[in-house]
Each structure stands twice: as C-alpha cells, then as structure tokens.
N, C-alpha and C. Protein backbone atom coordinates (compact mmCIF):
# COMPACT_ATOMS: atom_id res chain seq x y z
N MET A 1 -7.00 -2.23 -14.97
CA MET A 1 -6.53 -1.53 -13.75
C MET A 1 -6.65 -0.06 -13.92
N ASN A 2 -7.28 0.59 -12.94
CA ASN A 2 -7.60 1.99 -13.03
C ASN A 2 -6.95 2.75 -11.87
N LEU A 3 -5.69 3.13 -12.04
CA LEU A 3 -5.01 3.84 -10.89
C LEU A 3 -5.39 5.26 -10.90
N LYS A 4 -5.58 5.84 -9.71
CA LYS A 4 -5.82 7.22 -9.58
C LYS A 4 -4.48 7.97 -9.51
N PRO A 5 -4.42 9.30 -9.90
CA PRO A 5 -3.14 9.96 -9.84
C PRO A 5 -2.61 9.90 -8.43
N MET A 6 -1.35 9.72 -8.25
CA MET A 6 -0.69 9.63 -6.85
C MET A 6 -0.76 11.02 -6.27
N GLN A 7 -1.15 11.04 -5.01
CA GLN A 7 -1.18 12.25 -4.28
C GLN A 7 -0.48 12.01 -2.94
N THR A 8 0.02 13.11 -2.44
CA THR A 8 0.70 13.04 -1.10
C THR A 8 -0.14 12.33 -0.06
N GLU A 9 -1.43 12.77 0.00
CA GLU A 9 -2.36 12.06 0.94
C GLU A 9 -2.34 10.57 0.88
N SER A 10 -2.27 10.00 -0.39
CA SER A 10 -2.26 8.53 -0.55
C SER A 10 -1.01 8.01 -0.01
N LEU A 11 0.10 8.66 -0.21
CA LEU A 11 1.39 8.16 0.33
C LEU A 11 1.39 8.19 1.86
N GLU A 12 0.85 9.28 2.38
CA GLU A 12 0.76 9.38 3.84
C GLU A 12 -0.13 8.20 4.41
N LYS A 13 -1.20 7.95 3.74
CA LYS A 13 -2.11 6.83 4.19
C LYS A 13 -1.40 5.50 4.23
N LEU A 14 -0.49 5.27 3.35
CA LEU A 14 0.24 3.98 3.29
C LEU A 14 1.09 3.82 4.56
N VAL A 15 1.57 4.86 5.22
CA VAL A 15 2.41 4.74 6.38
C VAL A 15 1.64 4.84 7.68
N ILE A 16 0.28 5.08 7.60
CA ILE A 16 -0.47 5.16 8.84
C ILE A 16 -1.61 4.16 8.90
N GLN A 17 -2.10 3.75 7.69
CA GLN A 17 -3.28 2.85 7.72
C GLN A 17 -2.81 1.44 7.84
N ARG A 18 -3.61 0.67 8.56
CA ARG A 18 -3.32 -0.75 8.87
C ARG A 18 -4.18 -1.64 8.06
N MET A 19 -3.67 -2.80 7.76
CA MET A 19 -4.48 -3.84 7.01
C MET A 19 -5.60 -4.27 7.95
N PRO A 20 -6.83 -4.18 7.51
CA PRO A 20 -7.99 -4.49 8.45
C PRO A 20 -8.39 -5.96 8.50
N PHE A 21 -7.75 -6.79 7.73
CA PHE A 21 -8.15 -8.24 7.76
C PHE A 21 -7.01 -9.05 7.18
N GLY A 22 -7.20 -10.41 7.36
CA GLY A 22 -6.32 -11.39 6.77
C GLY A 22 -5.01 -11.66 7.53
N LYS A 23 -4.16 -12.44 6.87
CA LYS A 23 -2.91 -12.83 7.53
C LYS A 23 -2.12 -11.68 8.06
N TYR A 24 -2.16 -10.57 7.47
CA TYR A 24 -1.30 -9.35 7.87
C TYR A 24 -2.14 -8.35 8.50
N LYS A 25 -3.28 -8.74 9.13
CA LYS A 25 -4.11 -7.84 9.85
C LYS A 25 -3.28 -7.03 10.88
N ASP A 26 -3.56 -5.67 10.87
CA ASP A 26 -2.93 -4.70 11.80
C ASP A 26 -1.50 -4.35 11.34
N SER A 27 -1.03 -4.90 10.27
CA SER A 27 0.33 -4.39 9.72
C SER A 27 0.03 -3.14 8.92
N LEU A 28 1.01 -2.18 9.05
CA LEU A 28 0.87 -1.02 8.21
C LEU A 28 0.92 -1.47 6.73
N LEU A 29 0.12 -0.75 5.86
CA LEU A 29 0.12 -1.05 4.44
C LEU A 29 1.50 -0.98 3.82
N CYS A 30 2.38 -0.03 4.24
CA CYS A 30 3.68 0.13 3.72
C CYS A 30 4.56 -1.03 4.09
N ASP A 31 4.21 -1.86 5.01
CA ASP A 31 5.06 -2.97 5.47
C ASP A 31 4.54 -4.31 4.98
N LEU A 32 3.52 -4.29 4.18
CA LEU A 32 3.03 -5.62 3.59
C LEU A 32 4.08 -6.19 2.67
N PRO A 33 4.32 -7.44 2.74
CA PRO A 33 5.24 -8.01 1.84
C PRO A 33 4.88 -8.06 0.41
N GLY A 34 5.82 -7.99 -0.53
CA GLY A 34 5.52 -7.95 -1.94
C GLY A 34 4.74 -9.11 -2.46
N ASN A 35 4.98 -10.40 -1.92
CA ASN A 35 4.26 -11.44 -2.43
C ASN A 35 2.78 -11.39 -2.10
N TYR A 36 2.44 -10.78 -0.97
CA TYR A 36 1.06 -10.53 -0.49
C TYR A 36 0.40 -9.49 -1.57
N LEU A 37 1.07 -8.45 -1.81
CA LEU A 37 0.56 -7.40 -2.69
C LEU A 37 0.43 -8.00 -4.11
N ALA A 38 1.36 -8.85 -4.51
CA ALA A 38 1.29 -9.53 -5.83
C ALA A 38 0.09 -10.40 -5.97
N TRP A 39 -0.25 -11.10 -4.84
CA TRP A 39 -1.43 -11.97 -4.76
C TRP A 39 -2.67 -11.17 -5.06
N PHE A 40 -2.86 -9.94 -4.44
CA PHE A 40 -4.00 -9.10 -4.68
C PHE A 40 -4.01 -8.67 -6.14
N ALA A 41 -2.82 -8.42 -6.66
CA ALA A 41 -2.76 -7.93 -8.11
C ALA A 41 -3.28 -9.10 -9.00
N ARG A 42 -2.97 -10.32 -8.62
CA ARG A 42 -3.44 -11.48 -9.46
C ARG A 42 -4.92 -11.78 -9.24
N GLU A 43 -5.32 -11.73 -7.90
CA GLU A 43 -6.62 -12.16 -7.59
C GLU A 43 -7.72 -11.07 -7.55
N GLY A 44 -7.25 -9.83 -7.49
CA GLY A 44 -8.16 -8.68 -7.45
C GLY A 44 -8.02 -7.95 -6.17
N PHE A 45 -7.97 -6.63 -6.28
CA PHE A 45 -7.83 -5.76 -5.17
C PHE A 45 -9.26 -5.50 -4.53
N PRO A 46 -9.34 -5.30 -3.23
CA PRO A 46 -10.70 -5.00 -2.67
C PRO A 46 -11.16 -3.67 -3.24
N SER A 47 -12.48 -3.44 -3.16
CA SER A 47 -13.03 -2.23 -3.70
C SER A 47 -12.73 -1.08 -2.67
N GLY A 48 -13.02 0.09 -3.14
CA GLY A 48 -12.91 1.33 -2.33
C GLY A 48 -11.48 1.79 -2.07
N ASP A 49 -11.35 2.62 -1.07
CA ASP A 49 -10.09 3.25 -0.71
C ASP A 49 -8.90 2.19 -0.48
N LEU A 50 -9.32 1.15 0.33
CA LEU A 50 -8.30 0.24 0.67
C LEU A 50 -7.73 -0.48 -0.59
N GLY A 51 -8.52 -0.81 -1.54
CA GLY A 51 -8.06 -1.43 -2.73
C GLY A 51 -7.16 -0.50 -3.54
N GLY A 52 -7.48 0.70 -3.53
CA GLY A 52 -6.66 1.74 -4.27
C GLY A 52 -5.23 1.88 -3.59
N LEU A 53 -5.26 1.88 -2.22
CA LEU A 53 -3.98 1.98 -1.57
C LEU A 53 -3.18 0.69 -1.73
N LEU A 54 -3.80 -0.41 -1.66
CA LEU A 54 -3.12 -1.67 -1.92
C LEU A 54 -2.52 -1.75 -3.30
N GLN A 55 -3.29 -1.22 -4.28
CA GLN A 55 -2.80 -1.15 -5.67
C GLN A 55 -1.66 -0.25 -5.82
N LEU A 56 -1.69 0.90 -5.15
CA LEU A 56 -0.59 1.89 -5.14
C LEU A 56 0.64 1.17 -4.41
N MET A 57 0.47 0.55 -3.32
CA MET A 57 1.54 -0.05 -2.66
C MET A 57 2.18 -1.19 -3.48
N HIS A 58 1.36 -1.85 -4.19
CA HIS A 58 1.88 -2.91 -5.12
C HIS A 58 2.83 -2.27 -6.19
N GLU A 59 2.29 -1.20 -6.78
CA GLU A 59 3.16 -0.49 -7.85
C GLU A 59 4.44 0.05 -7.20
N ILE A 60 4.37 0.53 -6.06
CA ILE A 60 5.65 1.05 -5.38
C ILE A 60 6.59 -0.07 -5.09
N ASP A 61 6.01 -1.27 -4.62
CA ASP A 61 6.89 -2.42 -4.31
C ASP A 61 7.42 -2.94 -5.64
N HIS A 62 6.58 -3.11 -6.62
CA HIS A 62 6.99 -3.76 -7.81
C HIS A 62 8.08 -2.96 -8.62
N ASN A 63 8.02 -1.67 -8.42
CA ASN A 63 9.03 -0.79 -9.10
C ASN A 63 10.23 -0.43 -8.15
N ASP A 64 10.25 -1.22 -7.00
CA ASP A 64 11.42 -1.08 -6.07
C ASP A 64 11.54 0.44 -5.59
N LEU A 65 10.42 0.99 -5.20
CA LEU A 65 10.37 2.38 -4.72
C LEU A 65 10.00 2.53 -3.26
N ARG A 66 10.07 1.45 -2.54
CA ARG A 66 9.68 1.53 -1.10
C ARG A 66 10.47 2.59 -0.32
N GLN A 67 11.75 2.92 -0.74
CA GLN A 67 12.49 3.90 -0.05
C GLN A 67 11.87 5.27 -0.08
N LEU A 68 10.96 5.55 -1.02
CA LEU A 68 10.23 6.71 -1.09
C LEU A 68 9.41 7.06 0.09
N LEU A 69 8.98 5.94 0.80
CA LEU A 69 8.08 6.02 1.95
C LEU A 69 8.82 6.22 3.26
N ILE A 70 10.14 6.07 3.27
CA ILE A 70 10.94 6.15 4.47
C ILE A 70 10.78 7.53 5.15
N PRO A 71 10.96 8.64 4.37
CA PRO A 71 10.85 9.91 5.05
C PRO A 71 9.44 10.19 5.67
N LEU A 72 8.33 9.70 5.02
CA LEU A 72 7.07 9.87 5.61
C LEU A 72 6.92 8.95 6.84
N LYS A 73 7.43 7.80 6.81
CA LYS A 73 7.32 6.94 7.90
C LYS A 73 8.16 7.43 9.10
N ASN A 74 9.33 8.03 8.89
CA ASN A 74 10.13 8.55 9.92
C ASN A 74 9.54 9.87 10.41
N LYS A 75 8.70 10.54 9.70
CA LYS A 75 8.10 11.76 10.00
C LYS A 75 7.00 11.53 11.09
N GLY A 76 6.58 10.33 11.21
CA GLY A 76 5.62 9.93 12.25
C GLY A 76 4.14 10.10 11.83
N PHE A 77 3.84 9.99 10.55
CA PHE A 77 2.45 10.07 10.14
C PHE A 77 1.67 8.85 10.66
C-alpha cells in the first residue's frame, strides 16, 4: 500500500466527489460505508485519484476518524 501524504485538498475531495460506479454510485466518498471501503482494501483499490481517495477514506473510517470530515462537509465543499 502506497499512501500519499494527506493534504487538505484530498480531504475536501472526499466531501465533494461522488462514487462514479457500483452499488454506491453517486454517493459522496465520505458517505461510503466501512464494509464497502474494506472490500476495496481486500480486493484492490482502483488506480488513479479515485483509488487514492478511497484508500484515504478507508484509513479514516478504519481509525474511526470520520468526525474530522464533518466541518468540511458542513462548510459546503
């Protein structure tokens, strides 16, 4: 696993970018359920920016840090 350093931009993207495919298509990345993120962790994250964001969201969820995204989500990004 090769995580990029966390940047504010990445956190902002989690609250504005929507899942482009699958069961949770059109859901905000920050709203994806933990079991779905864990499935990607087991099966492999997509390549590119989306994969990096899903990996970051998985780490946030796994470490019970979703509350860190609330101020960004409320800010209206």
